[in-house]
Amino acid sequence: MVEEIVEQSEKELGVVVSVDADEATIGMYNVTNGTSFFMDGEEINGIKVGAYAILKQGRNRIVVTVLSEKVRDQLNTINSKEFDNRFHAQSIQRIVKVRSQGVIKDGHFSLTSAVVPMVGNVLVSASSEDIADIFSRGVKECESVTIGRSLMENQPIRIPVNDFFASHIGIFGNTGSGKSNTLHKLYLELFNSRYGSPALEKSSFVIIDFNGEYGSGSAFKDHHIQLYDGVKEKFPIDENLFFDINTLKVLAKATENTQVPFLARSLKKWRENREYTSMEIGLLKKCLTSCSIDLIEEWRDVARSILQEGSNGEIDCMNVLDTVKTFKNDLMYILEDGIEKYIDKGDSIDGWEYSNLKLDSVKRDLAKCVSSFNPCVSFLNFIKFQKIYERNIWACNLIG
């Protein structure tokens, strides 16, 4: 009954006369040509370009924005020999174009193209309840915060506290357009509301200030400030959150088709083999078996950088491995005590080769260094080995 009374009290401003996809042309009634007008003793806001309006279609209320308007005096045309400057409200023809933005149904707004304007739908002004439904998404007034008034409709704008502030917020605009001021306004209204004190007690607010806008001493109260300079004081991040493919691909600016899949494969293997030294010794043996001197040299470079980073002394374990050279295409040799010892392509590296190359010492020293690294350094070094591993697969034609 209440809904029927509300619907009957709404003032019809015009009617849809044509539809083109999600755009509609509205013929305005001749008594609605002003910026505001009176109907039954009530002042009604007129339709303005850029403002919201409502097309009534059964139980659906189609939310539209006004794109443009065209006003024509039917008593004066471009073909008239004389023009009459006397204004007659009934002689003005006003045509408005609107675009569908979504639908309000049962008090809930949704972005959808399932419901489109139809010829004969009537246009009404967007009420304060409609504006609230659009921005607060059906949340009650007691669970929302008022952040201002709409420019065109002059209606209060409320946003839901939990749905808005507990989500990602993107503010876009050109330099100097007021992005920082907008963010400041949003949180100022939150803190000034009845939710402000609980929010400050139970939540942490981290500001990453790239431009130094909030560096002055008066920006915040002293007892609310905790600085992270990246050297002594670092901002803690949960390891599972950091080592997530969505986080890593953004940090690495990885390309979607090639680098992201490689990162995903590497991350999965690293999670399964955090102590990956044995696996990398196996990779070295595979490179030796395939007699690929380029991959062996890459492996030695990565291993040497890890050993140098993890120890301050001499890297004696790599001395023999550093002597590996190519003799012919399918033959390599190592130099031990001035004697050349050869490795044929396809040979197993589990006999005298393993012992003479001192791979046990290399494995032991690498494992000691890897276990001392923090997760970030460990993962970065694993990626270097993983690149060699995937290149070796391609070289040996093992994919498929």
Protein backbone atom coordinates (compact mmCIF):
# COMPACT_ATOMS: atom_id res chain seq x y z
CA MET A 1 0.00 0.00 0.00
CA VAL A 2 2.87 2.35 0.87
CA GLU A 3 4.56 1.62 -2.46
CA GLU A 4 1.36 2.42 -4.34
CA ILE A 5 1.04 5.78 -2.58
CA VAL A 6 4.68 6.63 -3.39
CA GLU A 7 4.26 5.67 -7.03
CA GLN A 8 1.07 7.69 -7.39
CA SER A 9 2.75 10.78 -5.91
CA GLU A 10 5.63 10.69 -8.44
CA LYS A 11 5.34 13.36 -11.11
CA GLU A 12 5.69 12.14 -14.66
CA LEU A 13 8.02 14.41 -16.62
CA GLY A 14 8.07 12.80 -20.06
CA VAL A 15 7.71 9.61 -22.06
CA VAL A 16 10.05 7.45 -24.16
CA VAL A 17 9.40 8.05 -27.86
CA SER A 18 12.28 6.03 -29.36
CA VAL A 19 14.94 3.53 -28.27
CA ASP A 20 18.39 2.82 -29.73
CA ALA A 21 20.18 -0.01 -27.81
CA ASP A 22 20.77 1.33 -24.27
CA GLU A 23 19.90 4.91 -25.25
CA ALA A 24 16.41 6.35 -25.33
CA THR A 25 14.85 9.59 -26.55
CA ILE A 26 12.40 11.24 -24.18
CA GLY A 27 9.69 13.67 -25.19
CA MET A 28 9.24 16.02 -22.24
CA TYR A 29 5.82 17.30 -21.23
CA ASN A 30 5.45 21.03 -21.89
CA VAL A 31 4.99 21.84 -18.19
CA THR A 32 8.40 20.40 -17.30
CA ASN A 33 10.70 22.64 -19.31
CA GLY A 34 12.11 24.62 -16.39
CA THR A 35 15.01 23.77 -14.07
CA SER A 36 12.37 23.28 -11.40
CA PHE A 37 8.59 23.50 -11.41
CA PHE A 38 5.59 23.04 -9.17
CA MET A 39 3.07 20.22 -9.34
CA ASP A 40 0.24 19.98 -6.83
CA GLY A 41 1.99 22.53 -4.64
CA GLU A 42 5.29 20.59 -4.60
CA GLU A 43 8.58 21.80 -6.11
CA ILE A 44 10.08 19.19 -8.46
CA ASN A 45 13.67 19.24 -9.72
CA GLY A 46 13.87 19.45 -13.48
CA ILE A 47 15.93 17.18 -15.71
CA LYS A 48 19.53 18.34 -16.19
CA VAL A 49 22.33 17.05 -18.40
CA GLY A 50 24.55 14.72 -16.36
CA ALA A 51 21.91 14.06 -13.72
CA TYR A 52 20.26 10.78 -12.80
CA ALA A 53 16.64 10.10 -13.67
CA ILE A 54 14.30 7.12 -13.51
CA LEU A 55 12.34 5.32 -16.22
CA LYS A 56 9.43 3.37 -14.74
CA GLN A 57 8.90 -0.06 -16.24
CA GLY A 58 6.57 -2.17 -14.12
CA ARG A 59 8.30 -3.04 -10.84
CA ASN A 60 11.65 -2.08 -12.32
CA ARG A 61 13.06 1.40 -12.02
CA ILE A 62 15.61 1.87 -14.80
CA VAL A 63 18.37 4.26 -13.72
CA VAL A 64 19.43 6.54 -16.57
CA THR A 65 21.81 9.46 -16.96
CA VAL A 66 20.86 12.43 -19.10
CA LEU A 67 23.21 12.71 -22.08
CA SER A 68 21.86 15.74 -23.93
CA GLU A 69 18.80 17.88 -24.47
CA LYS A 70 17.36 19.71 -27.43
CA VAL A 71 14.89 22.58 -27.06
CA ARG A 72 12.88 23.98 -29.96
CA ASP A 73 10.27 26.72 -30.18
CA GLN A 74 7.51 25.45 -32.44
CA LEU A 75 6.26 28.97 -33.16
CA ASN A 76 9.63 30.01 -34.59
CA THR A 77 11.49 27.92 -37.15
CA ILE A 78 14.55 28.60 -39.30
CA ASN A 79 12.16 29.05 -42.24
CA SER A 80 10.16 31.78 -40.50
CA LYS A 81 10.20 35.18 -42.20
CA GLU A 82 9.78 36.91 -38.86
CA PHE A 83 10.64 35.69 -35.40
CA ASP A 84 8.37 36.24 -32.42
CA ASN A 85 10.36 36.93 -29.27
CA ARG A 86 7.35 36.45 -27.05
CA PHE A 87 7.79 33.27 -25.00
CA HIS A 88 4.99 30.72 -24.80
CA ALA A 89 5.66 27.76 -22.52
CA GLN A 90 3.26 25.56 -24.48
CA SER A 91 5.16 26.23 -27.71
CA ILE A 92 8.46 24.81 -26.46
CA GLN A 93 9.30 21.27 -27.50
CA ARG A 94 12.02 19.63 -25.40
CA ILE A 95 13.73 16.36 -26.37
CA VAL A 96 16.10 14.61 -23.95
CA LYS A 97 18.46 11.70 -24.64
CA VAL A 98 19.29 9.30 -21.80
CA ARG A 99 21.45 6.19 -21.35
CA SER A 100 20.58 3.21 -19.18
CA GLN A 101 22.96 2.55 -16.25
CA GLY A 102 21.21 -0.19 -14.29
CA VAL A 103 18.03 -1.18 -12.53
CA ILE A 104 16.57 -0.64 -9.08
CA LYS A 105 14.34 -3.54 -8.12
CA ASP A 106 12.89 -4.04 -4.66
CA GLY A 107 15.24 -1.38 -3.29
CA HIS A 108 18.43 -2.92 -4.70
CA PHE A 109 20.47 -1.39 -7.52
CA SER A 110 22.32 -3.61 -9.99
CA LEU A 111 24.40 -2.86 -13.07
CA THR A 112 22.71 -4.83 -15.81
CA SER A 113 21.67 -4.61 -19.44
CA ALA A 114 18.96 -7.24 -19.04
CA VAL A 115 16.31 -4.52 -18.69
CA VAL A 116 16.33 -1.80 -21.36
CA PRO A 117 14.05 1.20 -21.93
CA MET A 118 10.90 0.65 -23.98
CA VAL A 119 8.71 3.07 -25.88
CA GLY A 120 6.02 4.31 -23.56
CA ASN A 121 8.06 4.17 -20.34
CA VAL A 122 7.54 7.34 -18.34
CA LEU A 123 10.37 9.48 -16.94
CA VAL A 124 10.40 10.70 -13.33
CA SER A 125 12.98 12.52 -11.21
CA ALA A 126 15.40 10.44 -9.16
CA SER A 127 14.27 10.70 -5.54
CA SER A 128 16.54 10.71 -2.51
CA GLU A 129 15.59 7.05 -2.00
CA ASP A 130 16.70 6.25 -5.56
CA ILE A 131 20.04 8.03 -5.09
CA ALA A 132 20.53 6.14 -1.82
CA ASP A 133 19.78 2.83 -3.54
CA ILE A 134 22.32 3.60 -6.29
CA PHE A 135 25.24 4.48 -4.03
CA SER A 136 24.54 2.60 -0.79
CA ARG A 137 23.48 -0.57 -2.66
CA GLY A 138 20.46 -1.19 -0.47
CA VAL A 139 22.29 -0.77 2.86
CA LYS A 140 20.29 0.92 5.59
CA GLU A 141 21.04 4.51 6.54
CA CYS A 142 22.27 3.42 9.98
CA GLU A 143 24.92 1.23 8.30
CA SER A 144 26.21 3.90 5.92
CA VAL A 145 28.09 7.21 5.94
CA THR A 146 26.99 10.40 4.19
CA ILE A 147 29.89 11.86 2.19
CA GLY A 148 28.14 14.83 0.55
CA ARG A 149 25.35 15.72 -1.86
CA SER A 150 24.99 14.98 -5.55
CA LEU A 151 25.85 17.96 -7.75
CA MET A 152 22.89 17.71 -10.11
CA GLU A 153 20.12 16.24 -7.97
CA ASN A 154 21.24 17.86 -4.68
CA GLN A 155 20.50 14.60 -2.89
CA PRO A 156 22.61 13.16 -0.02
CA ILE A 157 25.13 10.51 -1.08
CA ARG A 158 25.50 7.61 1.34
CA ILE A 159 28.00 4.77 1.00
CA PRO A 160 27.92 1.47 2.94
CA VAL A 161 30.62 1.28 5.59
CA ASN A 162 31.48 -2.43 5.39
CA ASP A 163 31.02 -2.94 1.64
CA PHE A 164 32.99 0.19 0.71
CA PHE A 165 35.80 0.67 3.22
CA ALA A 166 36.53 -3.06 3.49
CA SER A 167 37.11 -3.35 -0.26
CA HIS A 168 39.48 -1.99 -2.90
CA ILE A 169 38.89 1.68 -3.72
CA GLY A 170 40.10 3.15 -7.01
CA ILE A 171 40.10 6.93 -7.52
CA PHE A 172 40.99 7.98 -11.05
CA GLY A 173 41.67 11.42 -12.46
CA ASN A 174 44.22 13.73 -14.04
CA THR A 175 46.96 15.48 -12.10
CA GLY A 176 45.45 18.11 -9.84
CA SER A 177 41.90 16.81 -10.21
CA GLY A 178 41.55 16.16 -6.48
CA LYS A 179 42.19 12.43 -6.02
CA SER A 180 43.95 12.88 -2.67
CA ASN A 181 41.29 15.32 -1.48
CA THR A 182 38.58 12.82 -2.41
CA LEU A 183 40.30 10.08 -0.41
CA HIS A 184 40.77 12.50 2.49
CA LYS A 185 37.08 13.43 2.39
CA LEU A 186 35.97 9.79 2.42
CA TYR A 187 37.97 8.90 5.50
CA LEU A 188 37.26 12.21 7.22
CA GLU A 189 33.52 11.51 7.02
CA LEU A 190 34.13 7.95 8.25
CA PHE A 191 36.14 9.13 11.27
CA ASN A 192 33.61 11.87 12.06
CA SER A 193 30.75 9.37 11.99
CA ARG A 194 29.74 7.10 14.84
CA TYR A 195 31.88 4.41 13.23
CA GLY A 196 35.05 6.51 13.54
CA SER A 197 36.19 5.48 17.02
CA PRO A 198 35.62 1.72 16.49
CA ALA A 199 37.42 1.94 13.15
CA LEU A 200 40.50 3.55 14.74
CA GLU A 201 40.51 1.04 17.59
CA LYS A 202 40.22 -2.13 15.50
CA SER A 203 41.82 -1.20 12.18
CA SER A 204 45.24 -0.16 10.91
CA PHE A 205 45.61 2.49 8.21
CA VAL A 206 48.76 2.37 6.10
CA ILE A 207 49.64 5.32 3.85
CA ILE A 208 52.22 4.75 1.11
CA ASP A 209 53.13 8.36 0.40
CA PHE A 210 55.04 8.48 -2.90
CA ASN A 211 54.79 12.26 -3.30
CA GLY A 212 55.42 13.34 0.28
CA GLU A 213 51.97 14.88 0.66
CA TYR A 214 51.49 13.66 4.23
CA GLY A 215 55.03 14.04 5.53
CA SER A 216 54.45 17.24 7.52
CA GLY A 217 54.29 16.97 11.28
CA SER A 218 50.76 18.35 11.41
CA ALA A 219 49.26 15.77 9.04
CA PHE A 220 48.53 13.26 11.81
CA LYS A 221 48.65 13.17 15.56
CA ASP A 222 51.95 11.82 16.87
CA HIS A 223 50.50 8.86 18.73
CA HIS A 224 48.90 7.56 15.55
CA ILE A 225 52.13 7.53 13.52
CA GLN A 226 54.31 4.48 12.91
CA LEU A 227 56.90 5.05 10.19
CA TYR A 228 58.33 2.29 7.99
CA ASP A 229 61.51 3.53 6.32
CA GLY A 230 62.29 0.26 4.53
CA VAL A 231 65.69 -0.04 6.24
CA LYS A 232 65.29 -0.34 10.00
CA GLU A 233 61.50 -0.41 10.15
CA LYS A 234 59.87 -2.52 7.47
CA PHE A 235 56.21 -3.09 6.83
CA PRO A 236 55.30 -6.73 7.60
CA ILE A 237 53.51 -8.67 4.86
CA ASP A 238 52.09 -12.15 5.30
CA GLU A 239 54.26 -14.65 3.41
CA ASN A 240 51.27 -16.38 1.80
CA LEU A 241 49.99 -13.04 0.55
CA PHE A 242 53.37 -12.02 -0.87
CA PHE A 243 54.14 -15.36 -2.53
CA ASP A 244 50.93 -15.34 -4.53
CA ILE A 245 51.03 -15.35 -8.32
CA ASN A 246 48.74 -12.30 -8.53
CA THR A 247 51.11 -10.32 -6.29
CA LEU A 248 54.29 -11.50 -7.97
CA LYS A 249 53.12 -10.80 -11.51
CA VAL A 250 52.36 -7.19 -10.55
CA LEU A 251 55.69 -6.70 -8.76
CA ALA A 252 57.62 -8.26 -11.64
CA LYS A 253 55.50 -6.56 -14.33
CA ALA A 254 55.33 -9.99 -15.95
CA THR A 255 53.83 -10.46 -19.40
CA GLU A 256 50.61 -12.46 -19.33
CA ASN A 257 51.37 -15.03 -22.04
CA THR A 258 54.95 -16.07 -21.23
CA GLN A 259 56.36 -14.71 -17.97
CA VAL A 260 53.27 -15.23 -15.78
CA PRO A 261 53.04 -18.99 -16.61
CA PHE A 262 56.78 -19.32 -15.88
CA LEU A 263 56.34 -17.53 -12.54
CA ALA A 264 53.39 -19.77 -11.67
CA ARG A 265 55.34 -22.95 -12.43
CA SER A 266 58.37 -21.72 -10.49
CA LEU A 267 56.28 -20.69 -7.50
CA LYS A 268 54.56 -24.08 -7.35
CA LYS A 269 57.87 -25.99 -7.47
CA TRP A 270 59.50 -23.70 -4.93
CA ARG A 271 56.62 -24.22 -2.48
CA GLU A 272 57.07 -27.98 -2.86
CA ASN A 273 60.90 -27.84 -2.61
CA ARG A 274 61.94 -25.01 -0.30
CA GLU A 275 65.27 -26.81 0.28
CA TYR A 276 65.96 -27.23 -3.42
CA THR A 277 69.69 -27.99 -3.43
CA SER A 278 69.33 -31.69 -4.33
CA MET A 279 67.08 -30.76 -7.23
CA GLU A 280 69.63 -28.27 -8.57
CA ILE A 281 72.47 -30.81 -8.33
CA GLY A 282 70.25 -33.09 -10.41
CA LEU A 283 69.87 -30.24 -12.91
CA LEU A 284 73.66 -29.88 -13.12
CA LYS A 285 74.03 -33.62 -13.76
CA LYS A 286 71.46 -33.36 -16.57
CA CYS A 287 73.40 -30.45 -18.11
CA LEU A 288 76.64 -32.47 -17.89
CA THR A 289 74.95 -35.51 -19.43
CA SER A 290 73.70 -33.42 -22.36
CA CYS A 291 77.17 -31.84 -22.77
CA SER A 292 75.59 -28.38 -22.89
CA ILE A 293 78.46 -26.07 -21.93
CA ASP A 294 76.27 -22.93 -22.14
CA LEU A 295 73.85 -24.28 -19.53
CA ILE A 296 76.72 -25.53 -17.37
CA GLU A 297 78.30 -22.08 -17.38
CA GLU A 298 74.95 -20.51 -16.42
CA TRP A 299 74.55 -23.03 -13.60
CA ARG A 300 78.06 -22.28 -12.33
CA ASP A 301 77.35 -18.52 -12.36
CA VAL A 302 74.15 -18.94 -10.32
CA ALA A 303 75.77 -21.36 -7.86
CA ARG A 304 78.81 -19.11 -7.45
CA SER A 305 76.62 -16.05 -6.73
CA ILE A 306 74.70 -18.04 -4.08
CA LEU A 307 77.90 -19.28 -2.45
CA GLN A 308 79.42 -15.80 -2.46
CA GLU A 309 76.25 -14.33 -0.96
CA GLY A 310 76.03 -17.00 1.73
CA SER A 311 79.68 -17.18 2.77
CA ASN A 312 82.62 -14.84 3.18
CA GLY A 313 85.42 -17.34 2.52
CA GLU A 314 86.94 -18.99 -0.54
CA ILE A 315 84.65 -21.11 -2.71
CA ASP A 316 86.90 -24.18 -2.95
CA CYS A 317 84.11 -26.60 -3.82
CA MET A 318 83.73 -25.05 -7.28
CA ASN A 319 87.38 -25.35 -8.31
CA VAL A 320 87.08 -28.62 -10.24
CA LEU A 321 83.65 -27.79 -11.64
CA ASP A 322 85.10 -24.57 -13.06
CA THR A 323 87.48 -26.63 -15.22
CA VAL A 324 84.71 -28.32 -17.23
CA LYS A 325 85.30 -27.54 -20.91
CA THR A 326 84.01 -28.71 -24.27
CA PHE A 327 86.38 -31.00 -26.15
CA LYS A 328 84.11 -31.86 -29.08
CA ASN A 329 80.38 -31.61 -29.77
CA ASP A 330 79.48 -34.73 -27.75
CA LEU A 331 82.51 -34.83 -25.47
CA MET A 332 83.57 -32.76 -22.47
CA TYR A 333 86.47 -32.98 -20.06
CA ILE A 334 87.44 -31.91 -16.58
CA LEU A 335 90.94 -31.06 -15.48
CA GLU A 336 92.09 -32.65 -12.22
CA ASP A 337 95.70 -32.38 -11.08
CA GLY A 338 96.68 -31.47 -14.64
CA ILE A 339 95.04 -34.62 -16.05
CA GLU A 340 92.14 -34.41 -18.53
CA LYS A 341 89.21 -36.75 -17.78
CA TYR A 342 86.48 -37.02 -20.38
CA ILE A 343 82.69 -37.15 -20.14
CA ASP A 344 80.74 -38.59 -23.07
CA LYS A 345 77.26 -37.34 -23.91
CA GLY A 346 74.73 -39.58 -22.15
CA ASP A 347 77.16 -40.75 -19.45
CA SER A 348 75.79 -41.22 -15.96
CA ILE A 349 77.22 -38.68 -13.50
CA ASP A 350 77.01 -41.00 -10.51
CA GLY A 351 80.41 -42.68 -10.64
CA TRP A 352 83.89 -41.19 -10.74
CA GLU A 353 82.50 -38.02 -12.35
CA TYR A 354 80.38 -37.24 -9.27
CA SER A 355 83.34 -37.77 -6.98
CA ASN A 356 85.92 -35.97 -9.07
CA LEU A 357 83.68 -32.95 -9.58
CA LYS A 358 83.27 -32.74 -5.78
CA LEU A 359 79.51 -32.47 -6.18
CA ASP A 360 79.03 -33.61 -2.57
CA SER A 361 80.92 -30.52 -1.40
CA VAL A 362 79.02 -28.27 -3.80
CA LYS A 363 75.71 -29.72 -2.60
CA ARG A 364 76.64 -29.33 1.08
CA ASP A 365 77.79 -25.71 0.75
CA LEU A 366 74.82 -24.74 -1.42
CA ALA A 367 72.38 -26.29 1.06
CA LYS A 368 73.98 -24.36 3.90
CA CYS A 369 73.62 -21.07 2.03
CA VAL A 370 70.06 -21.71 0.82
CA SER A 371 68.87 -22.58 4.34
CA SER A 372 70.25 -19.25 5.61
CA PHE A 373 68.39 -17.13 3.05
CA ASN A 374 65.12 -15.36 3.72
CA PRO A 375 62.19 -16.52 1.54
CA CYS A 376 62.56 -13.66 -0.97
CA VAL A 377 66.25 -14.33 -1.67
CA SER A 378 65.60 -18.07 -1.74
CA PHE A 379 62.83 -17.71 -4.32
CA LEU A 380 64.84 -15.32 -6.51
CA ASN A 381 67.75 -17.76 -6.66
CA PHE A 382 65.39 -20.64 -7.36
CA ILE A 383 63.98 -18.74 -10.35
CA LYS A 384 67.50 -18.42 -11.77
CA PHE A 385 67.95 -22.18 -11.59
CA GLN A 386 64.45 -22.71 -12.97
CA LYS A 387 65.32 -20.73 -16.11
CA ILE A 388 68.24 -23.09 -16.73
CA TYR A 389 66.00 -26.09 -16.08
CA GLU A 390 63.42 -25.05 -18.66
CA ARG A 391 66.10 -24.20 -21.22
CA ASN A 392 67.59 -27.67 -20.68
CA ILE A 393 64.18 -29.27 -21.29
CA TRP A 394 63.87 -27.49 -24.61
CA ALA A 395 67.46 -28.39 -25.53
CA CYS A 396 66.83 -32.08 -24.83
CA ASN A 397 63.44 -32.09 -26.61
CA LEU A 398 61.72 -33.46 -23.51
CA ILE A 399 58.62 -31.26 -23.71
CA GLY A 400 55.42 -32.90 -24.81
